[in-house]
Amino acid sequence: MEQLEKDVLEWIAGNNDCEALATQLAGARVVKRDYMRTGFFIFLEAPKDAMPIQGHIRVRCPNLQAPGLMDGAGSSLFLRDGRLHYLELYARGGFFPEEPEGYSLQAPEE
């Protein structure tokens, strides 16, 4: 798992009030990582013994700022049947560097 994904997943675990989500994120592993030039799709797998998330939750995900991101970037975590499915990182305009440097994570505006 790349440092960027680790940082985003740790941010999500620490900024959502869902123990099952935090447990899945702590043990998550990357199954596949697709770079699309405007962002990434990172497919995840939670530990088999991790409890599924019950009901519907709105996962709070960070925004990203970095020198190589002209208009910043966003992130979204997708679940399927209460389990991690994939993390999307996307540029808000233009190119998303394959290895962003000097990035910071920020809470989204509510």
PDB file of N, CA and C in Angstrom:
ATOM      1  N   MET A   1       0.858  -1.178   0.000  1.00  0.00           N
ATOM      2  CA  MET A   1       0.000   0.000   0.000  1.00  0.00           C
ATOM      3  C   MET A   1       0.899   1.234   0.000  1.00  0.00           C
ATOM      4  N   GLU A   2       0.582   2.166  -0.873  1.00  0.00           N
ATOM      5  CA  GLU A   2       1.361   3.399  -0.980  1.00  0.00           C
ATOM      6  C   GLU A   2       1.077   4.308   0.226  1.00  0.00           C
ATOM      7  N   GLN A   3       2.018   5.206   0.527  1.00  0.00           N
ATOM      8  CA  GLN A   3       1.861   6.100   1.681  1.00  0.00           C
ATOM      9  C   GLN A   3       0.606   6.962   1.569  1.00  0.00           C
ATOM     10  N   LEU A   4       0.296   7.435   0.361  1.00  0.00           N
ATOM     11  CA  LEU A   4      -0.898   8.258   0.172  1.00  0.00           C
ATOM     12  C   LEU A   4      -2.152   7.507   0.611  1.00  0.00           C
ATOM     13  N   GLU A   5      -2.309   6.269   0.155  1.00  0.00           N
ATOM     14  CA  GLU A   5      -3.485   5.485   0.563  1.00  0.00           C
ATOM     15  C   GLU A   5      -3.504   5.261   2.075  1.00  0.00           C
ATOM     16  N   LYS A   6      -2.351   4.940   2.646  1.00  0.00           N
ATOM     17  CA  LYS A   6      -2.274   4.739   4.102  1.00  0.00           C
ATOM     18  C   LYS A   6      -2.754   5.977   4.837  1.00  0.00           C
ATOM     19  N   ASP A   7      -2.270   7.140   4.409  1.00  0.00           N
ATOM     20  CA  ASP A   7      -2.635   8.391   5.067  1.00  0.00           C
ATOM     21  C   ASP A   7      -4.130   8.681   4.938  1.00  0.00           C
ATOM     22  N   VAL A   8      -4.684   8.468   3.742  1.00  0.00           N
ATOM     23  CA  VAL A   8      -6.111   8.726   3.533  1.00  0.00           C
ATOM     24  C   VAL A   8      -6.953   7.756   4.359  1.00  0.00           C
ATOM     25  N   LEU A   9      -6.602   6.481   4.358  1.00  0.00           N
ATOM     26  CA  LEU A   9      -7.378   5.494   5.124  1.00  0.00           C
ATOM     27  C   LEU A   9      -7.279   5.743   6.628  1.00  0.00           C
ATOM     28  N   GLU A  10      -6.111   6.144   7.103  1.00  0.00           N
ATOM     29  CA  GLU A  10      -5.967   6.492   8.528  1.00  0.00           C
ATOM     30  C   GLU A  10      -6.821   7.714   8.866  1.00  0.00           C
ATOM     31  N   TRP A  11      -6.854   8.705   7.972  1.00  0.00           N
ATOM     32  CA  TRP A  11      -7.679   9.895   8.192  1.00  0.00           C
ATOM     33  C   TRP A  11      -9.142   9.484   8.287  1.00  0.00           C
ATOM     34  N   ILE A  12      -9.596   8.652   7.373  1.00  0.00           N
ATOM     35  CA  ILE A  12     -10.992   8.201   7.372  1.00  0.00           C
ATOM     36  C   ILE A  12     -11.302   7.455   8.661  1.00  0.00           C
ATOM     37  N   ALA A  13     -10.423   6.544   9.078  1.00  0.00           N
ATOM     38  CA  ALA A  13     -10.648   5.774  10.312  1.00  0.00           C
ATOM     39  C   ALA A  13     -10.751   6.690  11.526  1.00  0.00           C
ATOM     40  N   GLY A  14      -9.952   7.745  11.554  1.00  0.00           N
ATOM     41  CA  GLY A  14      -9.938   8.646  12.695  1.00  0.00           C
ATOM     42  C   GLY A  14     -11.008   9.724  12.676  1.00  0.00           C
ATOM     43  N   ASN A  15     -11.714   9.875  11.563  1.00  0.00           N
ATOM     44  CA  ASN A  15     -12.697  10.953  11.441  1.00  0.00           C
ATOM     45  C   ASN A  15     -14.109  10.458  11.169  1.00  0.00           C
ATOM     46  N   ASN A  16     -14.349   9.189  11.420  1.00  0.00           N
ATOM     47  CA  ASN A  16     -15.685   8.602  11.302  1.00  0.00           C
ATOM     48  C   ASN A  16     -15.968   7.833  12.574  1.00  0.00           C
ATOM     49  N   ASP A  17     -17.171   7.925  13.048  1.00  0.00           N
ATOM     50  CA  ASP A  17     -17.553   7.286  14.308  1.00  0.00           C
ATOM     51  C   ASP A  17     -18.183   5.921  14.032  1.00  0.00           C
ATOM     52  N   CYS A  18     -17.352   4.991  13.549  1.00  0.00           N
ATOM     53  CA  CYS A  18     -17.842   3.654  13.226  1.00  0.00           C
ATOM     54  C   CYS A  18     -16.716   2.654  13.509  1.00  0.00           C
ATOM     55  N   GLU A  19     -16.884   1.904  14.575  1.00  0.00           N
ATOM     56  CA  GLU A  19     -15.847   0.959  14.988  1.00  0.00           C
ATOM     57  C   GLU A  19     -15.603  -0.121  13.935  1.00  0.00           C
ATOM     58  N   ALA A  20     -16.682  -0.609  13.309  1.00  0.00           N
ATOM     59  CA  ALA A  20     -16.531  -1.651  12.284  1.00  0.00           C
ATOM     60  C   ALA A  20     -15.726  -1.123  11.091  1.00  0.00           C
ATOM     61  N   LEU A  21     -15.965   0.114  10.703  1.00  0.00           N
ATOM     62  CA  LEU A  21     -15.211   0.719   9.601  1.00  0.00           C
ATOM     63  C   LEU A  21     -13.738   0.852   9.981  1.00  0.00           C
ATOM     64  N   ALA A  22     -13.470   1.360  11.176  1.00  0.00           N
ATOM     65  CA  ALA A  22     -12.085   1.529  11.629  1.00  0.00           C
ATOM     66  C   ALA A  22     -11.348   0.189  11.666  1.00  0.00           C
ATOM     67  N   THR A  23     -12.030  -0.857  12.109  1.00  0.00           N
ATOM     68  CA  THR A  23     -11.417  -2.198  12.167  1.00  0.00           C
ATOM     69  C   THR A  23     -11.096  -2.706  10.772  1.00  0.00           C
ATOM     70  N   GLN A  24     -12.042  -2.536   9.847  1.00  0.00           N
ATOM     71  CA  GLN A  24     -11.787  -2.972   8.469  1.00  0.00           C
ATOM     72  C   GLN A  24     -10.621  -2.198   7.861  1.00  0.00           C
ATOM     73  N   LEU A  25     -10.591  -0.892   8.087  1.00  0.00           N
ATOM     74  CA  LEU A  25      -9.519  -0.063   7.515  1.00  0.00           C
ATOM     75  C   LEU A  25      -8.155  -0.431   8.094  1.00  0.00           C
ATOM     76  N   ALA A  26      -8.114  -0.745   9.384  1.00  0.00           N
ATOM     77  CA  ALA A  26      -6.839  -1.074  10.033  1.00  0.00           C
ATOM     78  C   ALA A  26      -6.203  -2.326   9.428  1.00  0.00           C
ATOM     79  N   GLY A  27      -7.032  -3.264   8.981  1.00  0.00           N
ATOM     80  CA  GLY A  27      -6.507  -4.504   8.425  1.00  0.00           C
ATOM     81  C   GLY A  27      -6.623  -4.605   6.915  1.00  0.00           C
ATOM     82  N   ALA A  28      -6.956  -3.500   6.263  1.00  0.00           N
ATOM     83  CA  ALA A  28      -7.193  -3.527   4.815  1.00  0.00           C
ATOM     84  C   ALA A  28      -5.920  -3.805   4.028  1.00  0.00           C
ATOM     85  N   ARG A  29      -6.107  -4.472   2.919  1.00  0.00           N
ATOM     86  CA  ARG A  29      -4.994  -4.664   1.986  1.00  0.00           C
ATOM     87  C   ARG A  29      -5.462  -4.280   0.591  1.00  0.00           C
ATOM     88  N   VAL A  30      -4.526  -3.806  -0.214  1.00  0.00           N
ATOM     89  CA  VAL A  30      -4.834  -3.408  -1.588  1.00  0.00           C
ATOM     90  C   VAL A  30      -4.856  -4.654  -2.465  1.00  0.00           C
ATOM     91  N   VAL A  31      -5.951  -4.811  -3.206  1.00  0.00           N
ATOM     92  CA  VAL A  31      -6.105  -5.922  -4.138  1.00  0.00           C
ATOM     93  C   VAL A  31      -5.650  -5.489  -5.531  1.00  0.00           C
ATOM     94  N   LYS A  32      -5.981  -4.245  -5.889  1.00  0.00           N
ATOM     95  CA  LYS A  32      -5.647  -3.722  -7.214  1.00  0.00           C
ATOM     96  C   LYS A  32      -5.600  -2.205  -7.131  1.00  0.00           C
ATOM     97  N   ARG A  33      -4.689  -1.601  -7.888  1.00  0.00           N
ATOM     98  CA  ARG A  33      -4.537  -0.140  -7.896  1.00  0.00           C
ATOM     99  C   ARG A  33      -4.475   0.319  -9.344  1.00  0.00           C
ATOM    100  N   ASP A  34      -5.496   1.065  -9.772  1.00  0.00           N
ATOM    101  CA  ASP A  34      -5.556   1.558 -11.143  1.00  0.00           C
ATOM    102  C   ASP A  34      -5.309   3.064 -11.162  1.00  0.00           C
ATOM    103  N   TYR A  35      -4.269   3.469 -11.897  1.00  0.00           N
ATOM    104  CA  TYR A  35      -3.958   4.883 -12.071  1.00  0.00           C
ATOM    105  C   TYR A  35      -4.585   5.339 -13.379  1.00  0.00           C
ATOM    106  N   MET A  36      -5.371   6.424 -13.319  1.00  0.00           N
ATOM    107  CA  MET A  36      -6.123   6.884 -14.489  1.00  0.00           C
ATOM    108  C   MET A  36      -5.667   8.269 -14.984  1.00  0.00           C
ATOM    109  N   ARG A  37      -4.536   8.767 -14.547  1.00  0.00           N
ATOM    110  CA  ARG A  37      -3.998  10.104 -14.864  1.00  0.00           C
ATOM    111  C   ARG A  37      -4.776  11.244 -14.203  1.00  0.00           C
ATOM    112  N   THR A  38      -6.050  11.063 -13.948  1.00  0.00           N
ATOM    113  CA  THR A  38      -6.819  12.071 -13.207  1.00  0.00           C
ATOM    114  C   THR A  38      -7.103  11.588 -11.787  1.00  0.00           C
ATOM    115  N   GLY A  39      -6.556  10.442 -11.431  1.00  0.00           N
ATOM    116  CA  GLY A  39      -6.754   9.898 -10.099  1.00  0.00           C
ATOM    117  C   GLY A  39      -6.490   8.406 -10.055  1.00  0.00           C
ATOM    118  N   PHE A  40      -6.988   7.799  -8.988  1.00  0.00           N
ATOM    119  CA  PHE A  40      -6.758   6.383  -8.739  1.00  0.00           C
ATOM    120  C   PHE A  40      -8.051   5.706  -8.319  1.00  0.00           C
ATOM    121  N   PHE A  41      -8.136   4.417  -8.639  1.00  0.00           N
ATOM    122  CA  PHE A  41      -9.109   3.516  -8.038  1.00  0.00           C
ATOM    123  C   PHE A  41      -8.286   2.478  -7.309  1.00  0.00           C
ATOM    124  N   ILE A  42      -8.451   2.409  -5.988  1.00  0.00           N
ATOM    125  CA  ILE A  42      -7.697   1.472  -5.178  1.00  0.00           C
ATOM    126  C   ILE A  42      -8.689   0.481  -4.585  1.00  0.00           C
ATOM    127  N   PHE A  43      -8.681  -0.738  -5.096  1.00  0.00           N
ATOM    128  CA  PHE A  43      -9.602  -1.771  -4.630  1.00  0.00           C
ATOM    129  C   PHE A  43      -9.033  -2.407  -3.372  1.00  0.00           C
ATOM    130  N   LEU A  44      -9.882  -2.541  -2.364  1.00  0.00           N
ATOM    131  CA  LEU A  44      -9.461  -2.960  -1.033  1.00  0.00           C
ATOM    132  C   LEU A  44     -10.136  -4.257  -0.609  1.00  0.00           C
ATOM    133  N   GLU A  45      -9.481  -4.939   0.307  1.00  0.00           N
ATOM    134  CA  GLU A  45     -10.072  -6.117   0.930  1.00  0.00           C
ATOM    135  C   GLU A  45      -9.874  -6.008   2.430  1.00  0.00           C
ATOM    136  N   ALA A  46     -10.959  -6.150   3.165  1.00  0.00           N
ATOM    137  CA  ALA A  46     -10.900  -6.135   4.626  1.00  0.00           C
ATOM    138  C   ALA A  46     -10.593  -7.544   5.120  1.00  0.00           C
ATOM    139  N   PRO A  47     -10.072  -7.664   6.326  1.00  0.00           N
ATOM    140  CA  PRO A  47      -9.853  -9.000   6.884  1.00  0.00           C
ATOM    141  C   PRO A  47     -11.169  -9.789   6.907  1.00  0.00           C
ATOM    142  N   LYS A  48     -11.080 -11.062   6.611  1.00  0.00           N
ATOM    143  CA  LYS A  48     -12.272 -11.916   6.541  1.00  0.00           C
ATOM    144  C   LYS A  48     -13.054 -11.924   7.851  1.00  0.00           C
ATOM    145  N   ASP A  49     -12.348 -11.813   8.980  1.00  0.00           N
ATOM    146  CA  ASP A  49     -13.023 -11.876  10.279  1.00  0.00           C
ATOM    147  C   ASP A  49     -13.526 -10.519  10.772  1.00  0.00           C
ATOM    148  N   ALA A  50     -13.324  -9.466   9.965  1.00  0.00           N
ATOM    149  CA  ALA A  50     -13.793  -8.128  10.364  1.00  0.00           C
ATOM    150  C   ALA A  50     -15.315  -8.060  10.222  1.00  0.00           C
ATOM    151  N   MET A  51     -15.940  -7.492  11.222  1.00  0.00           N
ATOM    152  CA  MET A  51     -17.392  -7.381  11.239  1.00  0.00           C
ATOM    153  C   MET A  51     -17.874  -6.422  10.148  1.00  0.00           C
ATOM    154  N   PRO A  52     -18.931  -6.793   9.405  1.00  0.00           N
ATOM    155  CA  PRO A  52     -19.463  -5.867   8.399  1.00  0.00           C
ATOM    156  C   PRO A  52     -20.129  -4.659   9.052  1.00  0.00           C
ATOM    157  N   ILE A  53     -20.178  -3.581   8.319  1.00  0.00           N
ATOM    158  CA  ILE A  53     -20.831  -2.360   8.791  1.00  0.00           C
ATOM    159  C   ILE A  53     -22.333  -2.554   8.647  1.00  0.00           C
ATOM    160  N   GLN A  54     -23.060  -2.283   9.708  1.00  0.00           N
ATOM    161  CA  GLN A  54     -24.508  -2.462   9.716  1.00  0.00           C
ATOM    162  C   GLN A  54     -25.196  -1.171   9.280  1.00  0.00           C
ATOM    163  N   GLY A  55     -26.197  -1.293   8.433  1.00  0.00           N
ATOM    164  CA  GLY A  55     -26.961  -0.129   8.001  1.00  0.00           C
ATOM    165  C   GLY A  55     -26.179   0.736   7.035  1.00  0.00           C
ATOM    166  N   HIS A  56     -26.724   1.911   6.772  1.00  0.00           N
ATOM    167  CA  HIS A  56     -26.110   2.850   5.830  1.00  0.00           C
ATOM    168  C   HIS A  56     -25.345   3.921   6.607  1.00  0.00           C
ATOM    169  N   ILE A  57     -24.098   4.144   6.227  1.00  0.00           N
ATOM    170  CA  ILE A  57     -23.334   5.231   6.826  1.00  0.00           C
ATOM    171  C   ILE A  57     -22.817   6.133   5.713  1.00  0.00           C
ATOM    172  N   ARG A  58     -22.658   7.386   6.040  1.00  0.00           N
ATOM    173  CA  ARG A  58     -22.034   8.344   5.117  1.00  0.00           C
ATOM    174  C   ARG A  58     -20.590   8.493   5.564  1.00  0.00           C
ATOM    175  N   VAL A  59     -19.684   7.968   4.780  1.00  0.00           N
ATOM    176  CA  VAL A  59     -18.267   7.968   5.144  1.00  0.00           C
ATOM    177  C   VAL A  59     -17.676   9.341   4.837  1.00  0.00           C
ATOM    178  N   ARG A  60     -17.104   9.952   5.850  1.00  0.00           N
ATOM    179  CA  ARG A  60     -16.447  11.263   5.714  1.00  0.00           C
ATOM    180  C   ARG A  60     -15.033  11.022   5.206  1.00  0.00           C
ATOM    181  N   CYS A  61     -14.685  11.648   4.076  1.00  0.00           N
ATOM    182  CA  CYS A  61     -13.391  11.447   3.422  1.00  0.00           C
ATOM    183  C   CYS A  61     -12.692  12.793   3.230  1.00  0.00           C
ATOM    184  N   PRO A  62     -11.352  12.796   3.264  1.00  0.00           N
ATOM    185  CA  PRO A  62     -10.629  14.063   3.195  1.00  0.00           C
ATOM    186  C   PRO A  62     -10.461  14.599   1.778  1.00  0.00           C
ATOM    187  N   ASN A  63     -10.204  15.895   1.702  1.00  0.00           N
ATOM    188  CA  ASN A  63      -9.736  16.551   0.491  1.00  0.00           C
ATOM    189  C   ASN A  63      -8.216  16.560   0.548  1.00  0.00           C
ATOM    190  N   LEU A  64      -7.592  16.705  -0.601  1.00  0.00           N
ATOM    191  CA  LEU A  64      -6.138  16.753  -0.680  1.00  0.00           C
ATOM    192  C   LEU A  64      -5.696  18.053  -1.333  1.00  0.00           C
ATOM    193  N   GLN A  65      -4.605  18.583  -0.836  1.00  0.00           N
ATOM    194  CA  GLN A  65      -3.940  19.725  -1.455  1.00  0.00           C
ATOM    195  C   GLN A  65      -2.482  19.325  -1.660  1.00  0.00           C
ATOM    196  N   ALA A  66      -1.936  19.689  -2.800  1.00  0.00           N
ATOM    197  CA  ALA A  66      -0.528  19.401  -3.091  1.00  0.00           C
ATOM    198  C   ALA A  66      -0.079  20.332  -4.208  1.00  0.00           C
ATOM    199  N   PRO A  67       1.211  20.635  -4.264  1.00  0.00           N
ATOM    200  CA  PRO A  67       1.715  21.516  -5.310  1.00  0.00           C
ATOM    201  C   PRO A  67       1.364  21.037  -6.726  1.00  0.00           C
ATOM    202  N   GLY A  68       1.314  19.736  -6.970  1.00  0.00           N
ATOM    203  CA  GLY A  68       1.026  19.207  -8.294  1.00  0.00           C
ATOM    204  C   GLY A  68      -0.454  19.089  -8.624  1.00  0.00           C
ATOM    205  N   LEU A  69      -1.319  19.472  -7.684  1.00  0.00           N
ATOM    206  CA  LEU A  69      -2.764  19.386  -7.895  1.00  0.00           C
ATOM    207  C   LEU A  69      -3.315  20.797  -8.048  1.00  0.00           C
ATOM    208  N   MET A  70      -3.553  21.204  -9.279  1.00  0.00           N
ATOM    209  CA  MET A  70      -3.942  22.572  -9.585  1.00  0.00           C
ATOM    210  C   MET A  70      -5.150  23.037  -8.761  1.00  0.00           C
ATOM    211  N   ASP A  71      -6.197  22.257  -8.724  1.00  0.00           N
ATOM    212  CA  ASP A  71      -7.420  22.629  -8.006  1.00  0.00           C
ATOM    213  C   ASP A  71      -7.702  21.713  -6.820  1.00  0.00           C
ATOM    214  N   GLY A  72      -6.688  21.016  -6.348  1.00  0.00           N
ATOM    215  CA  GLY A  72      -6.875  20.100  -5.245  1.00  0.00           C
ATOM    216  C   GLY A  72      -7.481  18.790  -5.717  1.00  0.00           C
ATOM    217  N   ALA A  73      -7.802  17.940  -4.752  1.00  0.00           N
ATOM    218  CA  ALA A  73      -8.349  16.621  -5.065  1.00  0.00           C
ATOM    219  C   ALA A  73      -9.308  16.207  -3.972  1.00  0.00           C
ATOM    220  N   GLY A  74     -10.094  15.208  -4.277  1.00  0.00           N
ATOM    221  CA  GLY A  74     -11.036  14.651  -3.321  1.00  0.00           C
ATOM    222  C   GLY A  74     -10.836  13.160  -3.196  1.00  0.00           C
ATOM    223  N   SER A  75     -11.555  12.581  -2.254  1.00  0.00           N
ATOM    224  CA  SER A  75     -11.500  11.139  -2.062  1.00  0.00           C
ATOM    225  C   SER A  75     -12.886  10.640  -1.668  1.00  0.00           C
ATOM    226  N   SER A  76     -13.157   9.415  -2.044  1.00  0.00           N
ATOM    227  CA  SER A  76     -14.415   8.757  -1.680  1.00  0.00           C
ATOM    228  C   SER A  76     -14.126   7.297  -1.403  1.00  0.00           C
ATOM    229  N   LEU A  77     -14.688   6.790  -0.315  1.00  0.00           N
ATOM    230  CA  LEU A  77     -14.555   5.377   0.030  1.00  0.00           C
ATOM    231  C   LEU A  77     -15.890   4.703  -0.245  1.00  0.00           C
ATOM    232  N   PHE A  78     -15.849   3.630  -1.009  1.00  0.00           N
ATOM    233  CA  PHE A  78     -17.066   2.908  -1.373  1.00  0.00           C
ATOM    234  C   PHE A  78     -17.110   1.569  -0.654  1.00  0.00           C
ATOM    235  N   LEU A  79     -18.299   1.223  -0.199  1.00  0.00           N
ATOM    236  CA  LEU A  79     -18.542  -0.028   0.505  1.00  0.00           C
ATOM    237  C   LEU A  79     -19.479  -0.898  -0.323  1.00  0.00           C
ATOM    238  N   ARG A  80     -19.396  -2.196  -0.107  1.00  0.00           N
ATOM    239  CA  ARG A  80     -20.323  -3.135  -0.738  1.00  0.00           C
ATOM    240  C   ARG A  80     -20.707  -4.168   0.317  1.00  0.00           C
ATOM    241  N   ASP A  81     -21.999  -4.257   0.574  1.00  0.00           N
ATOM    242  CA  ASP A  81     -22.513  -5.205   1.570  1.00  0.00           C
ATOM    243  C   ASP A  81     -21.830  -5.041   2.928  1.00  0.00           C
ATOM    244  N   GLY A  82     -21.590  -3.786   3.318  1.00  0.00           N
ATOM    245  CA  GLY A  82     -21.011  -3.501   4.619  1.00  0.00           C
ATOM    246  C   GLY A  82     -19.517  -3.736   4.727  1.00  0.00           C
ATOM    247  N   ARG A  83     -18.865  -3.936   3.576  1.00  0.00           N
ATOM    248  CA  ARG A  83     -17.420  -4.194   3.573  1.00  0.00           C
ATOM    249  C   ARG A  83     -16.722  -3.238   2.611  1.00  0.00           C
ATOM    250  N   LEU A  84     -15.440  -3.006   2.858  1.00  0.00           N
ATOM    251  CA  LEU A  84     -14.645  -2.139   1.985  1.00  0.00           C
ATOM    252  C   LEU A  84     -14.708  -2.657   0.559  1.00  0.00           C
ATOM    253  N   HIS A  85     -14.839  -1.714  -0.385  1.00  0.00           N
ATOM    254  CA  HIS A  85     -14.819  -2.099  -1.802  1.00  0.00           C
ATOM    255  C   HIS A  85     -13.663  -1.367  -2.502  1.00  0.00           C
ATOM    256  N   TYR A  86     -13.755  -0.033  -2.600  1.00  0.00           N
ATOM    257  CA  TYR A  86     -12.626   0.690  -3.187  1.00  0.00           C
ATOM    258  C   TYR A  86     -12.568   2.132  -2.701  1.00  0.00           C
ATOM    259  N   LEU A  87     -11.363   2.685  -2.812  1.00  0.00           N
ATOM    260  CA  LEU A  87     -11.091   4.088  -2.502  1.00  0.00           C
ATOM    261  C   LEU A  87     -10.819   4.781  -3.824  1.00  0.00           C
ATOM    262  N   GLU A  88     -11.502   5.903  -4.036  1.00  0.00           N
ATOM    263  CA  GLU A  88     -11.250   6.707  -5.233  1.00  0.00           C
ATOM    264  C   GLU A  88     -10.571   8.007  -4.810  1.00  0.00           C
ATOM    265  N   LEU A  89      -9.474   8.328  -5.470  1.00  0.00           N
ATOM    266  CA  LEU A  89      -8.783   9.608  -5.295  1.00  0.00           C
ATOM    267  C   LEU A  89      -8.859  10.302  -6.642  1.00  0.00           C
ATOM    268  N   TYR A  90      -9.344  11.553  -6.673  1.00  0.00           N
ATOM    269  CA  TYR A  90      -9.595  12.209  -7.952  1.00  0.00           C
ATOM    270  C   TYR A  90      -9.194  13.678  -7.916  1.00  0.00           C
ATOM    271  N   ALA A  91      -8.575  14.116  -9.015  1.00  0.00           N
ATOM    272  CA  ALA A  91      -8.231  15.526  -9.173  1.00  0.00           C
ATOM    273  C   ALA A  91      -9.503  16.309  -9.460  1.00  0.00           C
ATOM    274  N   ARG A  92      -9.588  17.498  -8.931  1.00  0.00           N
ATOM    275  CA  ARG A  92     -10.760  18.343  -9.186  1.00  0.00           C
ATOM    276  C   ARG A  92     -10.654  19.070 -10.521  1.00  0.00           C
ATOM    277  N   GLY A  93      -9.533  18.998 -11.134  1.00  0.00           N
ATOM    278  CA  GLY A  93      -9.331  19.600 -12.450  1.00  0.00           C
ATOM    279  C   GLY A  93      -7.955  19.223 -12.938  1.00  0.00           C
ATOM    280  N   GLY A  94      -7.881  18.599 -14.069  1.00  0.00           N
ATOM    281  CA  GLY A  94      -6.588  18.264 -14.652  1.00  0.00           C
ATOM    282  C   GLY A  94      -5.986  16.972 -14.148  1.00  0.00           C
ATOM    283  N   PHE A  95      -4.693  16.984 -14.054  1.00  0.00           N
ATOM    284  CA  PHE A  95      -3.847  15.828 -13.835  1.00  0.00           C
ATOM    285  C   PHE A  95      -3.650  15.537 -12.341  1.00  0.00           C
ATOM    286  N   PHE A  96      -3.605  14.249 -11.979  1.00  0.00           N
ATOM    287  CA  PHE A  96      -3.275  13.818 -10.625  1.00  0.00           C
ATOM    288  C   PHE A  96      -1.916  13.122 -10.724  1.00  0.00           C
ATOM    289  N   PRO A  97      -0.869  13.678 -10.104  1.00  0.00           N
ATOM    290  CA  PRO A  97       0.461  13.060 -10.200  1.00  0.00           C
ATOM    291  C   PRO A  97       0.438  11.619  -9.683  1.00  0.00           C
ATOM    292  N   GLU A  98       1.191  10.769 -10.328  1.00  0.00           N
ATOM    293  CA  GLU A  98       1.225   9.362  -9.918  1.00  0.00           C
ATOM    294  C   GLU A  98       1.810   9.199  -8.520  1.00  0.00           C
ATOM    295  N   GLU A  99       2.742  10.068  -8.164  1.00  0.00           N
ATOM    296  CA  GLU A  99       3.325  10.047  -6.824  1.00  0.00           C
ATOM    297  C   GLU A  99       3.324  11.465  -6.268  1.00  0.00           C
ATOM    298  N   PRO A 100       2.182  11.917  -5.748  1.00  0.00           N
ATOM    299  CA  PRO A 100       2.114  13.296  -5.247  1.00  0.00           C
ATOM    300  C   PRO A 100       3.055  13.510  -4.058  1.00  0.00           C
ATOM    301  N   GLU A 101       3.674  14.675  -4.028  1.00  0.00           N
ATOM    302  CA  GLU A 101       4.584  15.012  -2.933  1.00  0.00           C
ATOM    303  C   GLU A 101       4.075  16.253  -2.221  1.00  0.00           C
ATOM    304  N   GLY A 102       4.382  16.352  -0.954  1.00  0.00           N
ATOM    305  CA  GLY A 102       4.037  17.540  -0.189  1.00  0.00           C
ATOM    306  C   GLY A 102       2.544  17.749  -0.034  1.00  0.00           C
ATOM    307  N   TYR A 103       1.786  16.667  -0.009  1.00  0.00           N
ATOM    308  CA  TYR A 103       0.327  16.791   0.096  1.00  0.00           C
ATOM    309  C   TYR A 103      -0.101  16.960   1.551  1.00  0.00           C
ATOM    310  N   SER A 104      -1.274  17.504   1.705  1.00  0.00           N
ATOM    311  CA  SER A 104      -1.914  17.590   3.025  1.00  0.00           C
ATOM    312  C   SER A 104      -3.358  17.148   2.882  1.00  0.00           C
ATOM    313  N   LEU A 105      -3.879  16.582   3.942  1.00  0.00           N
ATOM    314  CA  LEU A 105      -5.277  16.139   3.981  1.00  0.00           C
ATOM    315  C   LEU A 105      -6.074  17.131   4.792  1.00  0.00           C
ATOM    316  N   GLN A 106      -7.261  17.460   4.293  1.00  0.00           N
ATOM    317  CA  GLN A 106      -8.093  18.446   4.959  1.00  0.00           C
ATOM    318  C   GLN A 106      -9.521  17.939   5.045  1.00  0.00           C
ATOM    319  N   ALA A 107     -10.195  18.324   6.111  1.00  0.00           N
ATOM    320  CA  ALA A 107     -11.605  17.967   6.282  1.00  0.00           C
ATOM    321  C   ALA A 107     -12.423  18.617   5.175  1.00  0.00           C
ATOM    322  N   PRO A 108     -13.405  17.891   4.658  1.00  0.00           N
ATOM    323  CA  PRO A 108     -14.270  18.487   3.632  1.00  0.00           C
ATOM    324  C   PRO A 108     -15.171  19.558   4.247  1.00  0.00           C
ATOM    325  N   GLU A 109     -15.574  20.493   3.406  1.00  0.00           N
ATOM    326  CA  GLU A 109     -16.531  21.489   3.878  1.00  0.00           C
ATOM    327  C   GLU A 109     -17.880  20.814   3.984  1.00  0.00           C
ATOM    328  N   GLU A 110     -18.534  21.012   5.073  1.00  0.00           N
ATOM    329  CA  GLU A 110     -19.838  20.354   5.296  1.00  0.00           C
ATOM    330  C   GLU A 110     -20.960  21.212   4.790  1.00  0.00           C
TER     331      GLU A 110
END
